[in-house]
Protein backbone atom coordinates (compact mmCIF):
# COMPACT_ATOMS: atom_id res chain seq x y z
CA UNK A 1 5.13 3.72 -3.63
CA UNK A 2 2.31 5.83 -5.00
CA UNK A 3 -0.59 7.76 -3.49
CA UNK A 4 -3.16 5.08 -4.27
CA UNK A 5 -1.12 2.44 -2.41
CA UNK A 6 -0.90 4.64 0.67
CA UNK A 7 -4.64 5.41 0.58
CA UNK A 8 -5.37 1.69 0.30
CA UNK A 9 -3.30 1.13 3.44
CA UNK A 10 -5.11 3.97 5.25
CA UNK A 11 -8.50 2.40 4.48
CA UNK A 12 -7.42 -0.95 5.96
CA UNK A 13 -9.46 -1.35 9.15
CA UNK A 14 -6.97 -3.81 10.68
CA UNK A 15 -3.91 -1.53 10.90
CA UNK A 16 -1.77 -1.98 14.00
CA UNK A 17 -0.20 0.96 15.83
CA UNK A 18 3.10 0.23 14.09
CA UNK A 19 1.40 0.21 10.69
CA UNK A 20 -0.23 3.59 11.37
CA UNK A 21 3.14 5.08 12.33
CA UNK A 22 4.68 3.64 9.14
CA UNK A 23 1.85 5.03 7.00
CA UNK A 24 2.41 8.48 8.51
CA UNK A 25 6.13 8.31 7.78
CA UNK A 26 5.41 7.11 4.23
CA UNK A 27 3.01 10.00 3.58
CA UNK A 28 5.59 12.53 4.73
CA UNK A 29 8.29 10.89 2.61
CA UNK A 30 5.94 10.82 -0.37
CA UNK A 31 5.11 14.52 -0.01
CA UNK A 32 8.80 15.43 0.34
CA UNK A 33 9.41 13.75 -3.01
CA UNK A 34 7.67 16.63 -4.84
CA UNK A 35 4.64 14.72 -6.15
CA UNK A 36 2.22 16.24 -8.66
CA UNK A 37 -0.46 18.61 -7.42
CA UNK A 38 -3.03 15.90 -8.16
CA UNK A 39 -1.23 13.46 -5.86
CA UNK A 40 -0.83 16.10 -3.14
CA UNK A 41 -4.58 16.73 -3.24
CA UNK A 42 -5.20 13.11 -2.30
CA UNK A 43 -3.64 13.67 1.13
CA UNK A 44 -4.17 17.30 2.01
CA UNK A 45 -7.65 18.48 0.95
CA UNK A 46 -9.30 15.10 1.60
CA UNK A 47 -7.94 15.10 5.15
CA UNK A 48 -5.99 11.84 5.01
CA UNK A 49 -2.80 13.44 6.35
CA UNK A 50 -4.67 15.10 9.21
CA UNK A 51 -6.54 11.90 10.05
CA UNK A 52 -3.38 9.77 10.09
CA UNK A 53 -1.55 12.46 12.09
CA UNK A 54 -4.30 12.43 14.72
CA UNK A 55 -4.24 8.64 14.95
CA UNK A 56 -0.45 8.64 15.34
CA UNK A 57 -0.61 11.39 17.97
CA UNK A 58 -3.00 9.20 19.97
CA UNK A 59 -0.68 6.21 19.60
CA UNK A 60 2.29 8.22 20.82
CA UNK A 61 0.34 9.59 23.81
CA UNK A 62 -0.83 6.10 24.72
CA UNK A 63 2.79 4.86 24.75
CA UNK A 64 3.84 7.47 27.35
């Protein structure tokens, strides 16, 4: 899995709750794998990690 694949999944407007949770887990796994600074910039400065984290937080709160 690479950063572009994950971003493509993030931009999919038809993601289910389960898909959002999987994307979040995949981003964290990707970042733990010590990617290049260029790849890290895709998620952190552009706000993708924050956006996905907020979506997943909402999903988890809804499930309670």
